[in-house]
């Protein structure tokens, strides 16, 4: 068998390098798309869980520093005892006994009935949470907004330029994708939207 010439060997190495780089790039894109797909699925799962919670309690959990405030705080048992002694349910007092649930760690469950199936066994966390990426939750208990970043940016299905303009941080990156309660927009705050609704109601506009 005739050995490769130096020129032929260089040509083979160049071809192998190109194939390797193309394969590596395709793998990186596939992994990125997989993470973005996970983020969208997580947004859907959390949104569904929040709607089930709303059906049971008639309100959404409040938000706290981008987290869903629905886990037991250090004073929860004390607050619960006070609630049991009161004549009616004091929602504000109930919230005082809660803390923000940690993404990727805490469960989303009915704190009054541990036997009830959890809304989420564990809150999901961003696939790159170790690099500072995070989901964020905003709520006034009547409405909610749920956001995540996407690594694909404009190339990724679900990219919302209006959300980007809001300039919310999902950890270390601007939020790009989201879910919300019914017609609640994602491109402005809940307070701004409710003020618009009130203004329309006052003016008689549809």
N, C-alpha and C. Protein backbone atom coordinates (compact mmCIF):
# COMPACT_ATOMS: atom_id res chain seq x y z
N UNK A 1 0.85 -1.20 0.00
CA UNK A 1 0.00 0.00 0.00
C UNK A 1 0.88 1.25 0.00
N UNK A 2 0.58 2.14 -0.92
CA UNK A 2 1.37 3.35 -1.06
C UNK A 2 1.07 4.30 0.11
N UNK A 3 2.06 4.75 0.81
CA UNK A 3 1.82 5.67 1.94
C UNK A 3 1.35 7.04 1.46
N UNK A 4 0.63 7.72 2.40
CA UNK A 4 0.16 9.08 2.08
C UNK A 4 1.34 10.02 1.87
N UNK A 5 1.17 10.88 0.92
CA UNK A 5 2.15 11.95 0.78
C UNK A 5 1.82 13.01 1.83
N UNK A 6 2.76 13.89 2.05
CA UNK A 6 2.54 14.96 3.03
C UNK A 6 1.34 15.82 2.64
N UNK A 7 1.19 16.10 1.36
CA UNK A 7 0.07 16.91 0.88
C UNK A 7 -1.25 16.21 1.09
N UNK A 8 -1.28 14.89 0.82
CA UNK A 8 -2.51 14.11 1.01
C UNK A 8 -2.88 14.04 2.50
N UNK A 9 -1.88 13.87 3.34
CA UNK A 9 -2.12 13.79 4.78
C UNK A 9 -2.70 15.09 5.31
N UNK A 10 -2.18 16.21 4.84
CA UNK A 10 -2.70 17.52 5.25
C UNK A 10 -4.14 17.68 4.80
N UNK A 11 -4.45 17.22 3.58
CA UNK A 11 -5.82 17.31 3.05
C UNK A 11 -6.78 16.49 3.90
N UNK A 12 -6.36 15.28 4.29
CA UNK A 12 -7.20 14.41 5.13
C UNK A 12 -7.44 15.06 6.48
N UNK A 13 -6.40 15.63 7.07
CA UNK A 13 -6.53 16.28 8.37
C UNK A 13 -7.47 17.49 8.30
N UNK A 14 -7.40 18.23 7.21
CA UNK A 14 -8.30 19.38 7.03
C UNK A 14 -9.74 18.91 6.94
N UNK A 15 -9.98 17.85 6.16
CA UNK A 15 -11.34 17.31 6.00
C UNK A 15 -11.88 16.82 7.35
N UNK A 16 -11.04 16.08 8.09
CA UNK A 16 -11.47 15.57 9.40
C UNK A 16 -11.76 16.72 10.36
N UNK A 17 -10.96 17.76 10.30
CA UNK A 17 -11.17 18.92 11.18
C UNK A 17 -12.49 19.61 10.87
N UNK A 18 -12.79 19.76 9.57
CA UNK A 18 -14.04 20.39 9.16
C UNK A 18 -15.23 19.55 9.61
N UNK A 19 -15.14 18.22 9.41
CA UNK A 19 -16.22 17.32 9.83
C UNK A 19 -16.42 17.41 11.34
N UNK A 20 -15.31 17.44 12.09
CA UNK A 20 -15.40 17.53 13.55
C UNK A 20 -16.06 18.82 13.98
N UNK A 21 -15.67 19.94 13.38
CA UNK A 21 -16.22 21.24 13.76
C UNK A 21 -17.70 21.34 13.42
N UNK A 22 -18.09 20.81 12.26
CA UNK A 22 -19.51 20.82 11.87
C UNK A 22 -20.32 19.96 12.82
N UNK A 23 -19.79 18.78 13.15
CA UNK A 23 -20.48 17.88 14.08
C UNK A 23 -20.60 18.51 15.46
N UNK A 24 -19.52 19.13 15.92
CA UNK A 24 -19.53 19.78 17.23
C UNK A 24 -20.54 20.92 17.27
N UNK A 25 -20.58 21.71 16.21
CA UNK A 25 -21.52 22.84 16.14
C UNK A 25 -22.96 22.34 16.16
N UNK A 26 -23.22 21.27 15.39
CA UNK A 26 -24.58 20.70 15.37
C UNK A 26 -24.97 20.16 16.74
N UNK A 27 -24.00 19.58 17.43
CA UNK A 27 -24.26 19.04 18.77
C UNK A 27 -24.57 20.18 19.75
N UNK A 28 -23.82 21.27 19.65
CA UNK A 28 -24.05 22.43 20.52
C UNK A 28 -25.44 23.00 20.28
N UNK A 29 -25.84 23.12 19.00
CA UNK A 29 -27.16 23.64 18.65
C UNK A 29 -28.25 22.72 19.18
N UNK A 30 -28.05 21.39 19.03
CA UNK A 30 -29.04 20.42 19.50
C UNK A 30 -29.22 20.50 21.02
N UNK A 31 -28.11 20.64 21.75
CA UNK A 31 -28.19 20.75 23.21
C UNK A 31 -28.88 22.04 23.63
N UNK A 32 -28.58 23.12 22.93
CA UNK A 32 -29.21 24.40 23.23
C UNK A 32 -30.71 24.33 22.98
N UNK A 33 -31.11 23.73 21.87
CA UNK A 33 -32.53 23.60 21.56
C UNK A 33 -33.23 22.71 22.58
N UNK A 34 -32.52 21.69 23.04
CA UNK A 34 -33.09 20.80 24.06
C UNK A 34 -33.33 21.56 25.36
N UNK A 35 -32.39 22.41 25.75
CA UNK A 35 -32.57 23.21 26.97
C UNK A 35 -33.73 24.20 26.82
N UNK A 36 -33.83 24.82 25.65
CA UNK A 36 -34.93 25.76 25.42
C UNK A 36 -36.27 25.04 25.43
N UNK A 37 -36.30 23.83 24.88
CA UNK A 37 -37.53 23.03 24.91
C UNK A 37 -37.92 22.70 26.34
N UNK A 38 -36.93 22.38 27.17
CA UNK A 38 -37.18 22.09 28.59
C UNK A 38 -37.74 23.32 29.28
N UNK A 39 -37.20 24.49 28.98
CA UNK A 39 -37.69 25.73 29.59
C UNK A 39 -39.17 25.95 29.25
N UNK A 40 -39.54 25.75 28.00
CA UNK A 40 -40.93 25.94 27.59
C UNK A 40 -41.85 24.94 28.28
N UNK A 41 -41.38 23.69 28.38
CA UNK A 41 -42.17 22.67 29.08
C UNK A 41 -42.33 23.02 30.56
N UNK A 42 -41.27 23.52 31.17
CA UNK A 42 -41.32 23.92 32.58
C UNK A 42 -42.33 25.05 32.78
N UNK A 43 -42.32 26.04 31.88
CA UNK A 43 -43.27 27.15 31.97
C UNK A 43 -44.70 26.62 31.90
N UNK A 44 -44.94 25.66 31.01
CA UNK A 44 -46.27 25.08 30.88
C UNK A 44 -46.68 24.31 32.13
N UNK A 45 -45.75 23.54 32.69
CA UNK A 45 -46.04 22.74 33.89
C UNK A 45 -46.35 23.62 35.09
N UNK A 46 -45.56 24.67 35.28
CA UNK A 46 -45.79 25.57 36.41
C UNK A 46 -47.09 26.34 36.22
N UNK A 47 -47.36 26.78 34.99
CA UNK A 47 -48.61 27.50 34.70
C UNK A 47 -49.82 26.62 35.00
N UNK A 48 -49.76 25.36 34.58
CA UNK A 48 -50.87 24.43 34.84
C UNK A 48 -51.05 24.23 36.34
N UNK A 49 -49.95 24.09 37.07
CA UNK A 49 -50.02 23.90 38.53
C UNK A 49 -50.62 25.13 39.21
N UNK A 50 -50.26 26.31 38.75
CA UNK A 50 -50.81 27.55 39.32
C UNK A 50 -52.31 27.65 39.08
N UNK A 51 -52.75 27.23 37.91
CA UNK A 51 -54.19 27.26 37.61
C UNK A 51 -54.96 26.27 38.49
N UNK A 52 -54.36 25.10 38.77
CA UNK A 52 -55.02 24.14 39.66
C UNK A 52 -55.10 24.70 41.09
N UNK A 53 -54.04 25.36 41.51
CA UNK A 53 -54.02 26.01 42.83
C UNK A 53 -55.12 27.06 42.90
N UNK A 54 -55.26 27.83 41.84
CA UNK A 54 -56.28 28.89 41.79
C UNK A 54 -57.68 28.29 41.89
N UNK A 55 -57.89 27.18 41.23
CA UNK A 55 -59.20 26.51 41.30
C UNK A 55 -59.52 26.07 42.72
N UNK A 56 -58.51 25.67 43.47
CA UNK A 56 -58.72 25.20 44.84
C UNK A 56 -58.87 26.35 45.85
N UNK A 57 -58.12 27.43 45.66
CA UNK A 57 -58.08 28.49 46.67
C UNK A 57 -58.71 29.81 46.24
N UNK A 58 -58.89 30.00 44.94
CA UNK A 58 -59.51 31.24 44.47
C UNK A 58 -58.53 32.39 44.33
N UNK A 59 -57.25 32.13 44.48
CA UNK A 59 -56.21 33.15 44.28
C UNK A 59 -54.91 32.44 43.92
N UNK A 60 -53.98 33.21 43.37
CA UNK A 60 -52.65 32.68 43.07
C UNK A 60 -51.72 33.01 44.23
N UNK A 61 -50.67 32.22 44.42
CA UNK A 61 -49.69 32.58 45.45
C UNK A 61 -49.06 33.92 45.11
N UNK A 62 -48.73 34.72 46.11
CA UNK A 62 -48.02 35.97 45.83
C UNK A 62 -46.59 35.65 45.37
N UNK A 63 -45.91 36.67 44.91
CA UNK A 63 -44.52 36.47 44.47
C UNK A 63 -43.56 37.09 45.48
N UNK A 64 -42.36 36.57 45.50
CA UNK A 64 -41.33 37.09 46.40
C UNK A 64 -39.97 36.93 45.74
N UNK A 65 -39.37 38.03 45.32
CA UNK A 65 -38.04 38.02 44.69
C UNK A 65 -37.97 37.05 43.52
N UNK A 66 -39.03 37.03 42.70
CA UNK A 66 -39.05 36.16 41.53
C UNK A 66 -39.46 34.73 41.81
N UNK A 67 -39.75 34.43 43.07
CA UNK A 67 -40.16 33.07 43.45
C UNK A 67 -41.65 33.03 43.77
N UNK A 68 -42.21 31.83 43.74
CA UNK A 68 -43.61 31.62 44.10
C UNK A 68 -43.69 31.47 45.61
N UNK A 69 -44.37 32.40 46.26
CA UNK A 69 -44.44 32.40 47.73
C UNK A 69 -45.55 31.45 48.18
N UNK A 70 -45.20 30.17 48.28
CA UNK A 70 -46.19 29.16 48.63
C UNK A 70 -45.61 28.05 49.50
N UNK A 71 -44.45 28.30 50.11
CA UNK A 71 -43.82 27.31 50.97
C UNK A 71 -43.81 27.81 52.42
N UNK A 72 -43.73 26.87 53.35
CA UNK A 72 -43.81 27.21 54.77
C UNK A 72 -42.62 28.06 55.21
N UNK A 73 -42.94 29.19 55.84
CA UNK A 73 -41.90 30.01 56.45
C UNK A 73 -41.61 29.50 57.85
N UNK A 74 -40.63 30.08 58.52
CA UNK A 74 -40.26 29.64 59.87
C UNK A 74 -41.40 29.82 60.86
N UNK A 75 -42.28 30.79 60.59
CA UNK A 75 -43.38 31.07 61.52
C UNK A 75 -44.71 30.49 61.04
N UNK A 76 -44.66 29.57 60.10
CA UNK A 76 -45.91 29.07 59.51
C UNK A 76 -46.83 28.43 60.54
N UNK A 77 -46.29 27.57 61.39
CA UNK A 77 -47.13 26.86 62.36
C UNK A 77 -47.79 27.84 63.33
N UNK A 78 -47.08 28.89 63.71
CA UNK A 78 -47.66 29.92 64.58
C UNK A 78 -48.81 30.62 63.88
N UNK A 79 -48.58 31.01 62.63
CA UNK A 79 -49.61 31.68 61.83
C UNK A 79 -50.80 30.76 61.64
N UNK A 80 -50.54 29.48 61.37
CA UNK A 80 -51.62 28.52 61.16
C UNK A 80 -52.48 28.39 62.41
N UNK A 81 -51.84 28.37 63.58
CA UNK A 81 -52.59 28.30 64.83
C UNK A 81 -53.48 29.51 65.02
N UNK A 82 -52.97 30.68 64.67
CA UNK A 82 -53.76 31.91 64.78
C UNK A 82 -54.93 31.91 63.80
N UNK A 83 -54.70 31.37 62.61
CA UNK A 83 -55.77 31.31 61.61
C UNK A 83 -56.90 30.38 62.06
N UNK A 84 -56.53 29.28 62.72
CA UNK A 84 -57.54 28.33 63.18
C UNK A 84 -58.42 28.93 64.27
N UNK A 85 -57.86 29.87 65.03
CA UNK A 85 -58.61 30.49 66.11
C UNK A 85 -59.47 31.66 65.64
N UNK A 86 -59.18 32.17 64.44
CA UNK A 86 -59.93 33.32 63.92
C UNK A 86 -61.24 32.87 63.30
N UNK A 87 -62.18 33.79 63.20
CA UNK A 87 -63.52 33.47 62.69
C UNK A 87 -63.54 33.28 61.17
N UNK A 88 -62.66 33.96 60.47
CA UNK A 88 -62.61 33.84 59.01
C UNK A 88 -61.18 33.69 58.53
N UNK A 89 -61.03 33.39 57.25
CA UNK A 89 -59.69 33.19 56.69
C UNK A 89 -59.07 34.54 56.36
N UNK A 90 -57.97 34.84 57.03
CA UNK A 90 -57.24 36.09 56.80
C UNK A 90 -56.11 35.80 55.81
N UNK A 91 -56.34 36.15 54.55
CA UNK A 91 -55.37 35.82 53.51
C UNK A 91 -54.02 36.51 53.75
N UNK A 92 -54.07 37.77 54.17
CA UNK A 92 -52.83 38.52 54.41
C UNK A 92 -52.00 37.87 55.50
N UNK A 93 -52.66 37.43 56.57
CA UNK A 93 -51.95 36.74 57.66
C UNK A 93 -51.36 35.43 57.16
N UNK A 94 -52.13 34.72 56.33
CA UNK A 94 -51.65 33.46 55.76
C UNK A 94 -50.36 33.69 54.97
N UNK A 95 -50.35 34.74 54.17
CA UNK A 95 -49.16 35.06 53.37
C UNK A 95 -47.96 35.38 54.25
N UNK A 96 -48.21 35.94 55.44
CA UNK A 96 -47.12 36.28 56.36
C UNK A 96 -46.37 35.04 56.84
N UNK A 97 -47.02 33.90 56.77
CA UNK A 97 -46.39 32.66 57.21
C UNK A 97 -45.69 31.90 56.09
N UNK A 98 -45.64 32.50 54.91
CA UNK A 98 -45.04 31.83 53.76
C UNK A 98 -43.70 32.43 53.37
N UNK A 99 -42.95 31.68 52.60
CA UNK A 99 -41.69 32.15 52.01
C UNK A 99 -41.67 31.75 50.54
N UNK A 100 -40.76 32.35 49.80
CA UNK A 100 -40.62 31.99 48.39
C UNK A 100 -40.08 30.58 48.23
N UNK A 101 -40.71 29.79 47.38
CA UNK A 101 -40.25 28.42 47.12
C UNK A 101 -39.01 28.46 46.22
N UNK A 102 -38.03 27.65 46.55
CA UNK A 102 -36.77 27.63 45.81
C UNK A 102 -36.93 26.78 44.56
N UNK A 103 -36.62 27.37 43.42
CA UNK A 103 -36.68 26.63 42.16
C UNK A 103 -35.73 25.43 42.21
N UNK A 104 -36.23 24.27 41.79
CA UNK A 104 -35.40 23.08 41.75
C UNK A 104 -35.24 22.37 43.08
N UNK A 105 -35.94 22.84 44.12
CA UNK A 105 -35.77 22.25 45.45
C UNK A 105 -37.10 21.97 46.14
N UNK A 106 -37.96 22.99 46.23
CA UNK A 106 -39.19 22.86 47.02
C UNK A 106 -40.34 22.26 46.22
N UNK A 107 -41.30 21.74 46.98
CA UNK A 107 -42.53 21.19 46.40
C UNK A 107 -43.63 22.24 46.43
N UNK A 108 -44.56 22.14 45.50
CA UNK A 108 -45.72 23.04 45.44
C UNK A 108 -46.93 22.23 45.86
N UNK A 109 -47.38 22.43 47.10
CA UNK A 109 -48.44 21.57 47.63
C UNK A 109 -49.44 22.36 48.47
N UNK A 110 -50.52 21.69 48.85
CA UNK A 110 -51.54 22.28 49.72
C UNK A 110 -51.01 22.23 51.15
N UNK A 111 -50.68 23.36 51.71
CA UNK A 111 -50.08 23.39 53.05
C UNK A 111 -51.07 23.04 54.14
N UNK A 112 -52.37 23.10 53.82
CA UNK A 112 -53.39 22.75 54.81
C UNK A 112 -53.69 21.25 54.82
N UNK A 113 -53.34 20.56 53.74
CA UNK A 113 -53.66 19.14 53.62
C UNK A 113 -52.49 18.40 52.99
N UNK A 114 -51.55 17.90 53.80
CA UNK A 114 -50.37 17.21 53.28
C UNK A 114 -50.70 15.95 52.47
N UNK A 115 -51.90 15.39 52.68
CA UNK A 115 -52.28 14.17 51.96
C UNK A 115 -52.73 14.47 50.53
N UNK A 116 -53.00 15.74 50.26
CA UNK A 116 -53.45 16.13 48.92
C UNK A 116 -52.27 16.05 47.94
N UNK A 117 -52.53 15.53 46.75
CA UNK A 117 -51.47 15.38 45.75
C UNK A 117 -50.83 16.74 45.43
N UNK A 118 -49.51 16.82 45.45
CA UNK A 118 -48.84 18.10 45.17
C UNK A 118 -49.18 18.63 43.78
N UNK A 119 -49.23 19.94 43.68
CA UNK A 119 -49.43 20.55 42.37
C UNK A 119 -48.18 20.32 41.52
N UNK A 120 -47.02 20.36 42.18
CA UNK A 120 -45.74 20.01 41.55
C UNK A 120 -44.89 19.31 42.61
N UNK A 121 -44.37 18.14 42.31
CA UNK A 121 -43.53 17.45 43.28
C UNK A 121 -42.29 18.27 43.61
N UNK A 122 -41.73 18.89 42.59
CA UNK A 122 -40.59 19.79 42.77
C UNK A 122 -40.70 20.90 41.74
N UNK A 123 -40.54 22.14 42.18
CA UNK A 123 -40.52 23.25 41.22
C UNK A 123 -39.34 23.04 40.27
N UNK A 124 -39.56 23.16 38.98
CA UNK A 124 -38.43 23.02 38.05
C UNK A 124 -37.47 24.19 38.19
N UNK A 125 -36.28 24.00 37.69
CA UNK A 125 -35.32 25.10 37.65
C UNK A 125 -34.72 25.17 36.25
N UNK A 126 -34.22 26.33 35.90
CA UNK A 126 -33.62 26.50 34.58
C UNK A 126 -32.49 25.49 34.37
N UNK A 127 -32.40 24.88 33.18
CA UNK A 127 -31.35 23.90 32.91
C UNK A 127 -29.93 24.43 33.15
N UNK A 128 -29.76 25.75 33.09
CA UNK A 128 -28.44 26.34 33.34
C UNK A 128 -28.46 27.20 34.61
N UNK A 129 -29.20 26.73 35.60
CA UNK A 129 -29.30 27.49 36.86
C UNK A 129 -27.94 27.63 37.52
N UNK A 130 -27.07 26.65 37.31
CA UNK A 130 -25.73 26.72 37.88
C UNK A 130 -24.88 27.83 37.30
N UNK A 131 -25.33 28.36 36.15
CA UNK A 131 -24.62 29.47 35.51
C UNK A 131 -25.36 30.79 35.69
N UNK A 132 -26.36 30.78 36.58
CA UNK A 132 -27.05 32.02 36.91
C UNK A 132 -28.36 32.26 36.18
N UNK A 133 -28.79 31.33 35.33
CA UNK A 133 -30.07 31.46 34.65
C UNK A 133 -31.19 31.11 35.63
N UNK A 134 -32.33 31.78 35.53
CA UNK A 134 -33.42 31.52 36.48
C UNK A 134 -34.78 31.82 35.86
N UNK A 135 -35.80 31.14 36.38
CA UNK A 135 -37.18 31.48 36.06
C UNK A 135 -37.62 32.56 37.03
N UNK A 136 -38.57 33.40 36.62
CA UNK A 136 -39.11 34.38 37.57
C UNK A 136 -40.64 34.39 37.51
N UNK A 137 -41.22 34.68 38.65
CA UNK A 137 -42.68 34.68 38.82
C UNK A 137 -43.09 36.02 39.41
N UNK A 138 -44.14 36.60 38.84
CA UNK A 138 -44.69 37.87 39.33
C UNK A 138 -46.19 37.70 39.50
N UNK A 139 -46.73 38.10 40.66
CA UNK A 139 -48.16 37.93 40.88
C UNK A 139 -48.69 38.92 41.92
N UNK A 140 -49.94 39.35 41.71
CA UNK A 140 -50.64 40.15 42.71
C UNK A 140 -51.77 39.33 43.33
N UNK A 141 -51.70 38.03 43.16
CA UNK A 141 -52.65 36.99 43.62
C UNK A 141 -53.91 36.89 42.76
N UNK A 142 -54.20 37.91 41.95
CA UNK A 142 -55.34 37.84 41.03
C UNK A 142 -54.88 37.43 39.63
N UNK A 143 -53.64 37.75 39.31
CA UNK A 143 -53.03 37.42 38.02
C UNK A 143 -51.58 36.99 38.26
N UNK A 144 -51.01 36.35 37.25
CA UNK A 144 -49.59 36.02 37.36
C UNK A 144 -48.91 36.13 36.01
N UNK A 145 -47.60 36.31 36.07
CA UNK A 145 -46.72 36.29 34.90
C UNK A 145 -45.53 35.40 35.24
N UNK A 146 -45.17 34.56 34.30
CA UNK A 146 -44.09 33.59 34.50
C UNK A 146 -43.12 33.72 33.33
N UNK A 147 -41.85 33.87 33.63
CA UNK A 147 -40.88 34.16 32.56
C UNK A 147 -39.66 33.24 32.61
N UNK A 148 -39.05 33.07 31.42
CA UNK A 148 -37.76 32.39 31.32
C UNK A 148 -36.96 33.04 30.19
N UNK A 149 -35.69 32.77 30.18
CA UNK A 149 -34.86 33.18 29.06
C UNK A 149 -34.85 32.04 28.04
N UNK A 150 -34.36 32.30 26.85
CA UNK A 150 -34.13 31.28 25.83
C UNK A 150 -32.76 31.54 25.24
N UNK A 151 -31.98 30.50 25.08
CA UNK A 151 -30.64 30.68 24.52
C UNK A 151 -30.68 30.94 23.02
N UNK A 152 -31.78 30.52 22.37
CA UNK A 152 -31.87 30.64 20.92
C UNK A 152 -32.16 32.04 20.42
N UNK A 153 -32.57 32.92 21.34
CA UNK A 153 -32.90 34.30 20.97
C UNK A 153 -33.89 34.35 19.80
N UNK A 154 -33.64 35.21 18.80
CA UNK A 154 -34.60 35.39 17.71
C UNK A 154 -34.81 34.12 16.90
N UNK A 155 -33.85 33.21 16.93
CA UNK A 155 -33.95 31.99 16.14
C UNK A 155 -34.88 30.96 16.78
N UNK A 156 -35.24 31.16 18.03
CA UNK A 156 -36.03 30.16 18.76
C UNK A 156 -37.52 30.47 18.69
N UNK A 157 -38.32 29.44 18.38
CA UNK A 157 -39.77 29.60 18.39
C UNK A 157 -40.22 29.97 19.80
N UNK A 158 -41.07 30.98 19.91
CA UNK A 158 -41.51 31.44 21.21
C UNK A 158 -40.81 32.71 21.65
N UNK A 159 -39.77 33.10 20.93
CA UNK A 159 -39.08 34.35 21.24
C UNK A 159 -40.07 35.50 21.12
N UNK A 160 -40.15 36.33 22.15
CA UNK A 160 -41.11 37.43 22.17
C UNK A 160 -40.36 38.75 22.35
N UNK A 161 -40.28 39.52 21.26
CA UNK A 161 -39.54 40.79 21.31
C UNK A 161 -40.18 41.79 22.27
N UNK A 162 -41.50 41.69 22.46
CA UNK A 162 -42.18 42.60 23.39
C UNK A 162 -41.75 42.33 24.84
N UNK A 163 -41.54 41.05 25.16
CA UNK A 163 -41.05 40.70 26.50
C UNK A 163 -39.63 41.23 26.67
N UNK A 164 -38.83 41.09 25.63
CA UNK A 164 -37.44 41.56 25.67
C UNK A 164 -37.39 43.06 25.98
N UNK A 165 -38.30 43.81 25.37
CA UNK A 165 -38.33 45.26 25.56
C UNK A 165 -38.63 45.64 27.02
N UNK A 166 -39.27 44.73 27.74
CA UNK A 166 -39.57 45.00 29.15
C UNK A 166 -38.30 44.96 30.01
N UNK A 167 -37.27 44.29 29.49
CA UNK A 167 -35.95 44.29 30.13
C UNK A 167 -35.94 43.64 31.51
N UNK A 168 -36.72 42.58 31.67
CA UNK A 168 -36.71 41.82 32.92
C UNK A 168 -35.56 40.84 32.90
N UNK A 169 -34.93 40.65 34.04
CA UNK A 169 -33.82 39.70 34.12
C UNK A 169 -34.29 38.35 34.66
N UNK A 170 -34.03 37.31 33.88
CA UNK A 170 -34.25 35.94 34.33
C UNK A 170 -32.89 35.40 34.78
N UNK A 171 -32.43 35.91 35.90
CA UNK A 171 -31.08 35.59 36.36
C UNK A 171 -30.08 36.49 35.67
N UNK A 172 -29.18 35.88 34.90
CA UNK A 172 -28.12 36.66 34.23
C UNK A 172 -28.49 37.05 32.81
N UNK A 173 -29.67 36.64 32.35
CA UNK A 173 -30.05 36.94 30.97
C UNK A 173 -31.45 37.55 30.92
N UNK A 174 -31.70 38.37 29.91
CA UNK A 174 -33.00 39.01 29.73
C UNK A 174 -34.07 37.95 29.46
N UNK A 175 -35.24 38.12 30.08
CA UNK A 175 -36.36 37.20 29.85
C UNK A 175 -36.85 37.33 28.41
N UNK A 176 -37.21 36.20 27.82
CA UNK A 176 -37.60 36.17 26.41
C UNK A 176 -38.96 35.51 26.20
N UNK A 177 -39.30 34.57 27.08
CA UNK A 177 -40.48 33.71 26.89
C UNK A 177 -41.31 33.73 28.17
N UNK A 178 -42.62 33.51 28.05
CA UNK A 178 -43.42 33.51 29.26
C UNK A 178 -44.81 32.93 29.12
N UNK A 179 -45.45 32.76 30.26
CA UNK A 179 -46.84 32.31 30.38
C UNK A 179 -47.53 33.24 31.37
N UNK A 180 -48.85 33.37 31.23
CA UNK A 180 -49.58 34.24 32.16
C UNK A 180 -51.01 33.75 32.33
N UNK A 181 -51.72 34.39 33.25
CA UNK A 181 -53.12 34.06 33.51
C UNK A 181 -54.01 34.72 32.47
N UNK A 182 -54.78 33.92 31.77
CA UNK A 182 -55.74 34.33 30.73
C UNK A 182 -55.18 35.43 29.83
N UNK A 183 -55.80 36.62 29.86
CA UNK A 183 -55.42 37.68 28.93
C UNK A 183 -54.34 38.61 29.48
N UNK A 184 -53.74 38.26 30.59
CA UNK A 184 -52.71 39.12 31.18
C UNK A 184 -51.51 39.22 30.24
N UNK A 185 -51.18 40.42 29.75
CA UNK A 185 -50.06 40.56 28.82
C UNK A 185 -48.73 40.34 29.51
N UNK A 186 -47.73 39.98 28.73
CA UNK A 186 -46.40 39.73 29.27
C UNK A 186 -45.43 40.88 29.02
N UNK A 187 -45.88 41.87 28.23
CA UNK A 187 -44.98 42.95 27.83
C UNK A 187 -45.06 44.18 28.74
N UNK A 188 -45.85 44.10 29.80
CA UNK A 188 -45.92 45.19 30.78
C UNK A 188 -46.35 44.62 32.13
N UNK A 189 -46.27 45.44 33.15
CA UNK A 189 -46.55 44.95 34.50
C UNK A 189 -48.04 44.70 34.69
N UNK A 190 -48.35 43.87 35.67
CA UNK A 190 -49.75 43.59 36.02
C UNK A 190 -50.44 44.87 36.46
N UNK A 191 -49.72 45.70 37.21
CA UNK A 191 -50.30 46.96 37.70
C UNK A 191 -50.67 47.88 36.53
N UNK A 192 -49.80 47.96 35.54
CA UNK A 192 -50.08 48.79 34.37
C UNK A 192 -51.30 48.27 33.61
N UNK A 193 -51.38 46.96 33.47
CA UNK A 193 -52.50 46.36 32.74
C UNK A 193 -53.82 46.59 33.48
N UNK A 194 -53.82 46.40 34.79
CA UNK A 194 -55.05 46.59 35.55
C UNK A 194 -55.46 48.06 35.57
N UNK A 195 -54.50 48.97 35.53
CA UNK A 195 -54.81 50.40 35.44
C UNK A 195 -55.48 50.71 34.09
N UNK A 196 -55.02 50.05 33.03
CA UNK A 196 -55.62 50.22 31.71
C UNK A 196 -57.06 49.72 31.71
N UNK A 197 -57.28 48.56 32.33
CA UNK A 197 -58.63 48.00 32.40
C UNK A 197 -59.57 48.92 33.17
N UNK A 198 -59.07 49.49 34.26
CA UNK A 198 -59.87 50.40 35.08
C UNK A 198 -60.21 51.66 34.29
N UNK A 199 -59.25 52.17 33.54
CA UNK A 199 -59.48 53.37 32.73
C UNK A 199 -60.52 53.11 31.64
N UNK A 200 -60.45 51.93 31.02
CA UNK A 200 -61.44 51.56 30.00
C UNK A 200 -62.83 51.45 30.61
N UNK A 201 -62.87 50.88 31.82
CA UNK A 201 -64.16 50.72 32.51
C UNK A 201 -64.77 52.08 32.83
N UNK A 202 -63.93 53.02 33.26
CA UNK A 202 -64.43 54.36 33.60
C UNK A 202 -64.92 55.10 32.36
N UNK A 203 -64.22 54.92 31.24
CA UNK A 203 -64.58 55.64 30.02
C UNK A 203 -65.66 54.94 29.21
N UNK A 204 -65.98 53.71 29.60
CA UNK A 204 -67.00 52.95 28.88
C UNK A 204 -66.51 52.33 27.60
N UNK A 205 -65.17 52.35 27.39
CA UNK A 205 -64.60 51.74 26.18
C UNK A 205 -64.50 50.24 26.36
N UNK A 206 -64.67 49.47 25.24
CA UNK A 206 -64.56 48.01 25.33
C UNK A 206 -63.12 47.56 25.54
